[in-house]
């Protein structure tokens, strides 16, 4: 019984995080993300990403955050854990 309760709580928390993320993902918020920001700063503006891809090269660490929602996507590229580039297909 206790594990079922934990699963339900987990689902509710996940759903609320997803809904908060969707509300934060606007072009105005994407415009606040600037080069040199940390991952934590980006997540404080846009919320947690839908997916993350990391690649480690010999001298460079590259991470891509992808945010998806029905009306568009946002991609944020980090080099050595700092924003290097971003792109968006969200409506303005």
PDB file of N, CA and C in Angstrom:
ATOM      1  N   UNK A   1       0.827  -1.195   0.000  1.00  0.00           N
ATOM      2  CA  UNK A   1       0.000   0.000   0.000  1.00  0.00           C
ATOM      3  C   UNK A   1       0.869   1.256   0.000  1.00  0.00           C
ATOM      4  N   UNK A   2       1.948   1.223   0.777  1.00  0.00           N
ATOM      5  CA  UNK A   2       2.807   2.383   0.876  1.00  0.00           C
ATOM      6  C   UNK A   2       3.474   2.688  -0.470  1.00  0.00           C
ATOM      7  N   UNK A   3       3.911   1.652  -1.211  1.00  0.00           N
ATOM      8  CA  UNK A   3       4.573   1.891  -2.496  1.00  0.00           C
ATOM      9  C   UNK A   3       3.604   2.477  -3.517  1.00  0.00           C
ATOM     10  N   UNK A   4       2.351   2.096  -3.475  1.00  0.00           N
ATOM     11  CA  UNK A   4       1.343   2.667  -4.384  1.00  0.00           C
ATOM     12  C   UNK A   4       1.174   4.147  -4.082  1.00  0.00           C
ATOM     13  N   UNK A   5       1.144   4.484  -2.813  1.00  0.00           N
ATOM     14  CA  UNK A   5       1.018   5.891  -2.410  1.00  0.00           C
ATOM     15  C   UNK A   5       2.219   6.689  -2.928  1.00  0.00           C
ATOM     16  N   UNK A   6       3.411   6.132  -2.796  1.00  0.00           N
ATOM     17  CA  UNK A   6       4.613   6.814  -3.287  1.00  0.00           C
ATOM     18  C   UNK A   6       4.569   6.983  -4.802  1.00  0.00           C
ATOM     19  N   UNK A   7       4.069   5.986  -5.522  1.00  0.00           N
ATOM     20  CA  UNK A   7       3.959   6.084  -6.974  1.00  0.00           C
ATOM     21  C   UNK A   7       2.984   7.186  -7.370  1.00  0.00           C
ATOM     22  N   UNK A   8       1.872   7.267  -6.671  1.00  0.00           N
ATOM     23  CA  UNK A   8       0.881   8.303  -6.973  1.00  0.00           C
ATOM     24  C   UNK A   8       1.460   9.686  -6.697  1.00  0.00           C
ATOM     25  N   UNK A   9       2.137   9.832  -5.583  1.00  0.00           N
ATOM     26  CA  UNK A   9       2.763  11.117  -5.250  1.00  0.00           C
ATOM     27  C   UNK A   9       3.802  11.476  -6.309  1.00  0.00           C
ATOM     28  N   UNK A  10       4.589  10.495  -6.725  1.00  0.00           N
ATOM     29  CA  UNK A  10       5.591  10.732  -7.766  1.00  0.00           C
ATOM     30  C   UNK A  10       4.970  11.191  -9.068  1.00  0.00           C
ATOM     31  N   UNK A  11       3.867  10.569  -9.452  1.00  0.00           N
ATOM     32  CA  UNK A  11       3.178  10.972 -10.681  1.00  0.00           C
ATOM     33  C   UNK A  11       2.639  12.385 -10.576  1.00  0.00           C
ATOM     34  N   UNK A  12       2.077  12.728  -9.424  1.00  0.00           N
ATOM     35  CA  UNK A  12       1.542  14.077  -9.231  1.00  0.00           C
ATOM     36  C   UNK A  12       2.651  15.124  -9.275  1.00  0.00           C
ATOM     37  N   UNK A  13       3.778  14.827  -8.645  1.00  0.00           N
ATOM     38  CA  UNK A  13       4.913  15.757  -8.676  1.00  0.00           C
ATOM     39  C   UNK A  13       5.418  15.911 -10.100  1.00  0.00           C
ATOM     40  N   UNK A  14       5.560  14.818 -10.831  1.00  0.00           N
ATOM     41  CA  UNK A  14       6.015  14.879 -12.221  1.00  0.00           C
ATOM     42  C   UNK A  14       5.057  15.697 -13.083  1.00  0.00           C
ATOM     43  N   UNK A  15       3.776  15.486 -12.899  1.00  0.00           N
ATOM     44  CA  UNK A  15       2.777  16.230 -13.682  1.00  0.00           C
ATOM     45  C   UNK A  15       2.844  17.714 -13.379  1.00  0.00           C
ATOM     46  N   UNK A  16       3.027  18.064 -12.112  1.00  0.00           N
ATOM     47  CA  UNK A  16       3.086  19.488 -11.775  1.00  0.00           C
ATOM     48  C   UNK A  16       4.368  20.118 -12.304  1.00  0.00           C
ATOM     49  N   UNK A  17       5.476  19.391 -12.277  1.00  0.00           N
ATOM     50  CA  UNK A  17       6.719  19.916 -12.850  1.00  0.00           C
ATOM     51  C   UNK A  17       6.578  20.124 -14.349  1.00  0.00           C
ATOM     52  N   UNK A  18       5.945  19.174 -15.037  1.00  0.00           N
ATOM     53  CA  UNK A  18       5.753  19.288 -16.472  1.00  0.00           C
ATOM     54  C   UNK A  18       4.867  20.480 -16.806  1.00  0.00           C
ATOM     55  N   UNK A  19       3.790  20.665 -16.048  1.00  0.00           N
ATOM     56  CA  UNK A  19       2.890  21.776 -16.340  1.00  0.00           C
ATOM     57  C   UNK A  19       3.558  23.109 -16.052  1.00  0.00           C
ATOM     58  N   UNK A  20       4.377  23.193 -15.012  1.00  0.00           N
ATOM     59  CA  UNK A  20       5.106  24.431 -14.728  1.00  0.00           C
ATOM     60  C   UNK A  20       6.088  24.726 -15.839  1.00  0.00           C
ATOM     61  N   UNK A  21       6.767  23.706 -16.310  1.00  0.00           N
ATOM     62  CA  UNK A  21       7.740  23.875 -17.384  1.00  0.00           C
ATOM     63  C   UNK A  21       7.065  24.408 -18.636  1.00  0.00           C
ATOM     64  N   UNK A  22       5.894  23.882 -18.976  1.00  0.00           N
ATOM     65  CA  UNK A  22       5.180  24.326 -20.158  1.00  0.00           C
ATOM     66  C   UNK A  22       4.780  25.788 -20.076  1.00  0.00           C
ATOM     67  N   UNK A  23       4.411  26.248 -18.879  1.00  0.00           N
ATOM     68  CA  UNK A  23       4.028  27.641 -18.699  1.00  0.00           C
ATOM     69  C   UNK A  23       5.232  28.560 -18.799  1.00  0.00           C
ATOM     70  N   UNK A  24       6.385  28.086 -18.435  1.00  0.00           N
ATOM     71  CA  UNK A  24       7.597  28.901 -18.475  1.00  0.00           C
ATOM     72  C   UNK A  24       8.177  28.994 -19.876  1.00  0.00           C
ATOM     73  N   UNK A  25       7.841  28.073 -20.726  1.00  0.00           N
ATOM     74  CA  UNK A  25       8.464  28.001 -22.036  1.00  0.00           C
ATOM     75  C   UNK A  25       7.752  28.939 -23.010  1.00  0.00           C
ATOM     76  N   UNK A  26       8.136  30.196 -22.945  1.00  0.00           N
ATOM     77  CA  UNK A  26       7.616  31.208 -23.852  1.00  0.00           C
ATOM     78  C   UNK A  26       8.802  31.876 -24.537  1.00  0.00           C
ATOM     79  N   UNK A  27       8.561  32.529 -25.653  1.00  0.00           N
ATOM     80  CA  UNK A  27       9.653  33.205 -26.345  1.00  0.00           C
ATOM     81  C   UNK A  27      10.244  34.305 -25.466  1.00  0.00           C
ATOM     82  N   UNK A  28       9.401  34.961 -24.675  1.00  0.00           N
ATOM     83  CA  UNK A  28       9.900  36.008 -23.772  1.00  0.00           C
ATOM     84  C   UNK A  28      10.896  35.432 -22.763  1.00  0.00           C
ATOM     85  N   UNK A  29      10.613  34.235 -22.234  1.00  0.00           N
ATOM     86  CA  UNK A  29      11.544  33.603 -21.296  1.00  0.00           C
ATOM     87  C   UNK A  29      12.809  33.131 -21.999  1.00  0.00           C
ATOM     88  N   UNK A  30      12.653  32.593 -23.210  1.00  0.00           N
ATOM     89  CA  UNK A  30      13.832  32.155 -23.977  1.00  0.00           C
ATOM     90  C   UNK A  30      14.747  33.354 -24.228  1.00  0.00           C
ATOM     91  N   UNK A  31      14.170  34.517 -24.479  1.00  0.00           N
ATOM     92  CA  UNK A  31      14.962  35.729 -24.711  1.00  0.00           C
ATOM     93  C   UNK A  31      15.788  36.124 -23.490  1.00  0.00           C
ATOM     94  N   UNK A  32      15.379  35.688 -22.298  1.00  0.00           N
ATOM     95  CA  UNK A  32      16.127  35.991 -21.067  1.00  0.00           C
ATOM     96  C   UNK A  32      17.391  35.150 -20.939  1.00  0.00           C
ATOM     97  N   UNK A  33      17.447  34.030 -21.654  1.00  0.00           N
ATOM     98  CA  UNK A  33      18.615  33.145 -21.600  1.00  0.00           C
ATOM     99  C   UNK A  33      19.715  33.780 -22.451  1.00  0.00           C
ATOM    100  N   UNK A  34      20.869  34.028 -21.822  1.00  0.00           N
ATOM    101  CA  UNK A  34      21.965  34.688 -22.528  1.00  0.00           C
ATOM    102  C   UNK A  34      23.244  33.861 -22.462  1.00  0.00           C
ATOM    103  N   UNK A  35      24.122  34.139 -23.383  1.00  0.00           N
ATOM    104  CA  UNK A  35      25.405  33.427 -23.461  1.00  0.00           C
ATOM    105  C   UNK A  35      26.160  33.559 -22.144  1.00  0.00           C
ATOM    106  N   UNK A  36      26.739  32.446 -21.707  1.00  0.00           N
ATOM    107  CA  UNK A  36      27.524  32.437 -20.479  1.00  0.00           C
ATOM    108  C   UNK A  36      26.760  31.999 -19.241  1.00  0.00           C
ATOM    109  N   UNK A  37      25.428  31.857 -19.345  1.00  0.00           N
ATOM    110  CA  UNK A  37      24.639  31.407 -18.187  1.00  0.00           C
ATOM    111  C   UNK A  37      24.943  29.951 -17.854  1.00  0.00           C
ATOM    112  N   UNK A  38      24.763  29.611 -16.588  1.00  0.00           N
ATOM    113  CA  UNK A  38      24.940  28.231 -16.139  1.00  0.00           C
ATOM    114  C   UNK A  38      23.665  27.431 -16.402  1.00  0.00           C
ATOM    115  N   UNK A  39      23.769  26.122 -16.291  1.00  0.00           N
ATOM    116  CA  UNK A  39      22.598  25.256 -16.440  1.00  0.00           C
ATOM    117  C   UNK A  39      21.543  25.595 -15.392  1.00  0.00           C
ATOM    118  N   UNK A  40      21.986  25.849 -14.182  1.00  0.00           N
ATOM    119  CA  UNK A  40      21.060  26.169 -13.090  1.00  0.00           C
ATOM    120  C   UNK A  40      20.295  27.469 -13.397  1.00  0.00           C
ATOM    121  N   UNK A  41      20.984  28.459 -13.948  1.00  0.00           N
ATOM    122  CA  UNK A  41      20.323  29.713 -14.300  1.00  0.00           C
ATOM    123  C   UNK A  41      19.278  29.489 -15.397  1.00  0.00           C
ATOM    124  N   UNK A  42      19.629  28.680 -16.398  1.00  0.00           N
ATOM    125  CA  UNK A  42      18.693  28.394 -17.487  1.00  0.00           C
ATOM    126  C   UNK A  42      17.472  27.661 -16.947  1.00  0.00           C
ATOM    127  N   UNK A  43      17.680  26.668 -16.098  1.00  0.00           N
ATOM    128  CA  UNK A  43      16.560  25.913 -15.526  1.00  0.00           C
ATOM    129  C   UNK A  43      15.690  26.786 -14.628  1.00  0.00           C
ATOM    130  N   UNK A  44      16.258  27.802 -13.995  1.00  0.00           N
ATOM    131  CA  UNK A  44      15.446  28.698 -13.165  1.00  0.00           C
ATOM    132  C   UNK A  44      14.518  29.544 -14.031  1.00  0.00           C
ATOM    133  N   UNK A  45      14.881  29.755 -15.298  1.00  0.00           N
ATOM    134  CA  UNK A  45      14.048  30.533 -16.222  1.00  0.00           C
ATOM    135  C   UNK A  45      13.082  29.625 -16.990  1.00  0.00           C
ATOM    136  N   UNK A  46      13.605  28.537 -17.562  1.00  0.00           N
ATOM    137  CA  UNK A  46      12.810  27.689 -18.457  1.00  0.00           C
ATOM    138  C   UNK A  46      12.264  26.423 -17.798  1.00  0.00           C
ATOM    139  N   UNK A  47      12.766  26.085 -16.626  1.00  0.00           N
ATOM    140  CA  UNK A  47      12.372  24.834 -15.990  1.00  0.00           C
ATOM    141  C   UNK A  47      13.259  23.699 -16.466  1.00  0.00           C
ATOM    142  N   UNK A  48      12.975  22.487 -16.025  1.00  0.00           N
ATOM    143  CA  UNK A  48      13.802  21.346 -16.428  1.00  0.00           C
ATOM    144  C   UNK A  48      13.576  21.008 -17.908  1.00  0.00           C
ATOM    145  N   UNK A  49      14.635  20.610 -18.607  1.00  0.00           N
ATOM    146  CA  UNK A  49      14.486  20.278 -20.028  1.00  0.00           C
ATOM    147  C   UNK A  49      13.725  18.981 -20.239  1.00  0.00           C
ATOM    148  N   UNK A  50      13.144  18.847 -21.429  1.00  0.00           N
ATOM    149  CA  UNK A  50      12.455  17.621 -21.817  1.00  0.00           C
ATOM    150  C   UNK A  50      13.461  16.496 -21.987  1.00  0.00           C
ATOM    151  N   UNK A  51      14.623  16.817 -22.586  1.00  0.00           N
ATOM    152  CA  UNK A  51      15.688  15.820 -22.730  1.00  0.00           C
ATOM    153  C   UNK A  51      17.045  16.511 -22.694  1.00  0.00           C
ATOM    154  N   UNK A  52      18.067  15.723 -22.342  1.00  0.00           N
ATOM    155  CA  UNK A  52      19.433  16.225 -22.221  1.00  0.00           C
ATOM    156  C   UNK A  52      20.359  15.279 -22.976  1.00  0.00           C
ATOM    157  N   UNK A  53      21.268  15.845 -23.752  1.00  0.00           N
ATOM    158  CA  UNK A  53      22.285  15.047 -24.436  1.00  0.00           C
ATOM    159  C   UNK A  53      23.650  15.616 -24.072  1.00  0.00           C
ATOM    160  N   UNK A  54      24.534  14.761 -23.568  1.00  0.00           N
ATOM    161  CA  UNK A  54      25.872  15.203 -23.177  1.00  0.00           C
ATOM    162  C   UNK A  54      26.928  14.469 -23.976  1.00  0.00           C
ATOM    163  N   UNK A  55      27.962  15.210 -24.351  1.00  0.00           N
ATOM    164  CA  UNK A  55      29.111  14.630 -25.048  1.00  0.00           C
ATOM    165  C   UNK A  55      30.375  15.223 -24.437  1.00  0.00           C
ATOM    166  N   UNK A  56      31.307  14.344 -24.098  1.00  0.00           N
ATOM    167  CA  UNK A  56      32.589  14.794 -23.574  1.00  0.00           C
ATOM    168  C   UNK A  56      33.663  14.566 -24.618  1.00  0.00           C
ATOM    169  N   UNK A  57      34.291  15.657 -25.005  1.00  0.00           N
ATOM    170  CA  UNK A  57      35.437  15.567 -25.905  1.00  0.00           C
ATOM    171  C   UNK A  57      36.678  15.744 -25.047  1.00  0.00           C
ATOM    172  N   UNK A  58      37.832  15.585 -25.612  1.00  0.00           N
ATOM    173  CA  UNK A  58      39.063  15.633 -24.808  1.00  0.00           C
ATOM    174  C   UNK A  58      39.177  16.923 -23.986  1.00  0.00           C
ATOM    175  N   UNK A  59      38.958  18.042 -24.608  1.00  0.00           N
ATOM    176  CA  UNK A  59      39.123  19.311 -23.909  1.00  0.00           C
ATOM    177  C   UNK A  59      37.816  20.086 -23.753  1.00  0.00           C
ATOM    178  N   UNK A  60      36.713  19.508 -24.171  1.00  0.00           N
ATOM    179  CA  UNK A  60      35.456  20.245 -24.188  1.00  0.00           C
ATOM    180  C   UNK A  60      34.298  19.348 -23.767  1.00  0.00           C
ATOM    181  N   UNK A  61      33.471  19.877 -22.908  1.00  0.00           N
ATOM    182  CA  UNK A  61      32.248  19.180 -22.509  1.00  0.00           C
ATOM    183  C   UNK A  61      31.084  19.920 -23.165  1.00  0.00           C
ATOM    184  N   UNK A  62      30.247  19.183 -23.888  1.00  0.00           N
ATOM    185  CA  UNK A  62      29.123  19.788 -24.607  1.00  0.00           C
ATOM    186  C   UNK A  62      27.821  19.124 -24.159  1.00  0.00           C
ATOM    187  N   UNK A  63      26.859  19.948 -23.789  1.00  0.00           N
ATOM    188  CA  UNK A  63      25.555  19.457 -23.348  1.00  0.00           C
ATOM    189  C   UNK A  63      24.475  20.227 -24.103  1.00  0.00           C
ATOM    190  N   UNK A  64      23.451  19.503 -24.544  1.00  0.00           N
ATOM    191  CA  UNK A  64      22.326  20.135 -25.230  1.00  0.00           C
ATOM    192  C   UNK A  64      21.057  19.883 -24.436  1.00  0.00           C
ATOM    193  N   UNK A  65      20.364  20.968 -24.090  1.00  0.00           N
ATOM    194  CA  UNK A  65      19.054  20.888 -23.451  1.00  0.00           C
ATOM    195  C   UNK A  65      18.011  21.070 -24.545  1.00  0.00           C
ATOM    196  N   UNK A  66      17.038  20.178 -24.577  1.00  0.00           N
ATOM    197  CA  UNK A  66      15.939  20.286 -25.535  1.00  0.00           C
ATOM    198  C   UNK A  66      14.636  20.414 -24.757  1.00  0.00           C
ATOM    199  N   UNK A  67      13.871  21.436 -25.092  1.00  0.00           N
ATOM    200  CA  UNK A  67      12.553  21.678 -24.506  1.00  0.00           C
ATOM    201  C   UNK A  67      11.532  21.508 -25.615  1.00  0.00           C
ATOM    202  N   UNK A  68      10.562  20.632 -25.412  1.00  0.00           N
ATOM    203  CA  UNK A  68       9.510  20.398 -26.411  1.00  0.00           C
ATOM    204  C   UNK A  68       8.154  20.714 -25.819  1.00  0.00           C
ATOM    205  N   UNK A  69       7.320  21.323 -26.626  1.00  0.00           N
ATOM    206  CA  UNK A  69       5.908  21.482 -26.288  1.00  0.00           C
ATOM    207  C   UNK A  69       5.151  21.566 -27.604  1.00  0.00           C
ATOM    208  N   UNK A  70       3.833  21.463 -27.575  1.00  0.00           N
ATOM    209  CA  UNK A  70       3.067  21.374 -28.821  1.00  0.00           C
ATOM    210  C   UNK A  70       3.297  22.524 -29.815  1.00  0.00           C
ATOM    211  N   UNK A  71       3.569  23.732 -29.318  1.00  0.00           N
ATOM    212  CA  UNK A  71       3.713  24.859 -30.243  1.00  0.00           C
ATOM    213  C   UNK A  71       5.152  25.170 -30.650  1.00  0.00           C
ATOM    214  N   UNK A  72       6.113  24.333 -30.275  1.00  0.00           N
ATOM    215  CA  UNK A  72       7.487  24.561 -30.716  1.00  0.00           C
ATOM    216  C   UNK A  72       8.516  23.927 -29.807  1.00  0.00           C
ATOM    217  N   UNK A  73       9.781  24.129 -30.164  1.00  0.00           N
ATOM    218  CA  UNK A  73      10.890  23.584 -29.390  1.00  0.00           C
ATOM    219  C   UNK A  73      11.923  24.674 -29.114  1.00  0.00           C
ATOM    220  N   UNK A  74      12.697  24.435 -28.067  1.00  0.00           N
ATOM    221  CA  UNK A  74      13.810  25.314 -27.724  1.00  0.00           C
ATOM    222  C   UNK A  74      15.019  24.420 -27.499  1.00  0.00           C
ATOM    223  N   UNK A  75      16.146  24.796 -28.081  1.00  0.00           N
ATOM    224  CA  UNK A  75      17.399  24.075 -27.897  1.00  0.00           C
ATOM    225  C   UNK A  75      18.415  25.031 -27.295  1.00  0.00           C
ATOM    226  N   UNK A  76      19.069  24.601 -26.206  1.00  0.00           N
ATOM    227  CA  UNK A  76      20.115  25.406 -25.576  1.00  0.00           C
ATOM    228  C   UNK A  76      21.383  24.562 -25.566  1.00  0.00           C
ATOM    229  N   UNK A  77      22.443  25.084 -26.155  1.00  0.00           N
ATOM    230  CA  UNK A  77      23.725  24.385 -26.234  1.00  0.00           C
ATOM    231  C   UNK A  77      24.680  24.960 -25.192  1.00  0.00           C
ATOM    232  N   UNK A  78      25.224  24.073 -24.374  1.00  0.00           N
ATOM    233  CA  UNK A  78      26.209  24.461 -23.366  1.00  0.00           C
ATOM    234  C   UNK A  78      27.576  23.935 -23.781  1.00  0.00           C
ATOM    235  N   UNK A  79      28.585  24.753 -23.651  1.00  0.00           N
ATOM    236  CA  UNK A  79      29.973  24.310 -23.814  1.00  0.00           C
ATOM    237  C   UNK A  79      30.652  24.590 -22.486  1.00  0.00           C
ATOM    238  N   UNK A  80      31.242  23.547 -21.912  1.00  0.00           N
ATOM    239  CA  UNK A  80      31.846  23.631 -20.581  1.00  0.00           C
ATOM    240  C   UNK A  80      30.869  24.230 -19.567  1.00  0.00           C
ATOM    241  N   UNK A  81      29.618  23.756 -19.624  1.00  0.00           N
ATOM    242  CA  UNK A  81      28.559  24.097 -18.674  1.00  0.00           C
ATOM    243  C   UNK A  81      28.115  25.559 -18.704  1.00  0.00           C
ATOM    244  N   UNK A  82      28.391  26.270 -19.785  1.00  0.00           N
ATOM    245  CA  UNK A  82      27.929  27.645 -19.969  1.00  0.00           C
ATOM    246  C   UNK A  82      27.197  27.736 -21.300  1.00  0.00           C
ATOM    247  N   UNK A  83      26.109  28.536 -21.369  1.00  0.00           N
ATOM    248  CA  UNK A  83      25.350  28.689 -22.609  1.00  0.00           C
ATOM    249  C   UNK A  83      26.260  29.233 -23.707  1.00  0.00           C
ATOM    250  N   UNK A  84      26.283  28.524 -24.825  1.00  0.00           N
ATOM    251  CA  UNK A  84      27.058  28.942 -25.988  1.00  0.00           C
ATOM    252  C   UNK A  84      26.133  29.367 -27.138  1.00  0.00           C
ATOM    253  N   UNK A  85      24.930  28.775 -27.208  1.00  0.00           N
ATOM    254  CA  UNK A  85      23.987  29.091 -28.290  1.00  0.00           C
ATOM    255  C   UNK A  85      22.601  28.629 -27.883  1.00  0.00           C
ATOM    256  N   UNK A  86      21.600  29.191 -28.555  1.00  0.00           N
ATOM    257  CA  UNK A  86      20.214  28.772 -28.324  1.00  0.00           C
ATOM    258  C   UNK A  86      19.438  28.974 -29.615  1.00  0.00           C
ATOM    259  N   UNK A  87      18.361  28.196 -29.754  1.00  0.00           N
ATOM    260  CA  UNK A  87      17.458  28.380 -30.894  1.00  0.00           C
ATOM    261  C   UNK A  87      16.054  28.041 -30.442  1.00  0.00           C
ATOM    262  N   UNK A  88      15.068  28.625 -31.126  1.00  0.00           N
ATOM    263  CA  UNK A  88      13.683  28.448 -30.732  1.00  0.00           C
ATOM    264  C   UNK A  88      12.788  28.444 -31.959  1.00  0.00           C
ATOM    265  N   UNK A  89      11.757  27.594 -31.913  1.00  0.00           N
ATOM    266  CA  UNK A  89      10.721  27.613 -32.940  1.00  0.00           C
ATOM    267  C   UNK A  89       9.388  28.043 -32.350  1.00  0.00           C
ATOM    268  N   UNK A  90       9.423  28.630 -31.150  1.00  0.00           N
ATOM    269  CA  UNK A  90       8.201  29.094 -30.497  1.00  0.00           C
ATOM    270  C   UNK A  90       7.672  30.340 -31.209  1.00  0.00           C
ATOM    271  N   UNK A  91       6.359  30.515 -31.209  1.00  0.00           N
ATOM    272  CA  UNK A  91       5.804  31.739 -31.797  1.00  0.00           C
ATOM    273  C   UNK A  91       6.180  32.956 -30.970  1.00  0.00           C
ATOM    274  N   UNK A  92       6.324  34.076 -31.624  1.00  0.00           N
ATOM    275  CA  UNK A  92       6.717  35.307 -30.910  1.00  0.00           C
ATOM    276  C   UNK A  92       5.559  35.987 -30.269  1.00  0.00           C
TER     277      UNK A  92
END
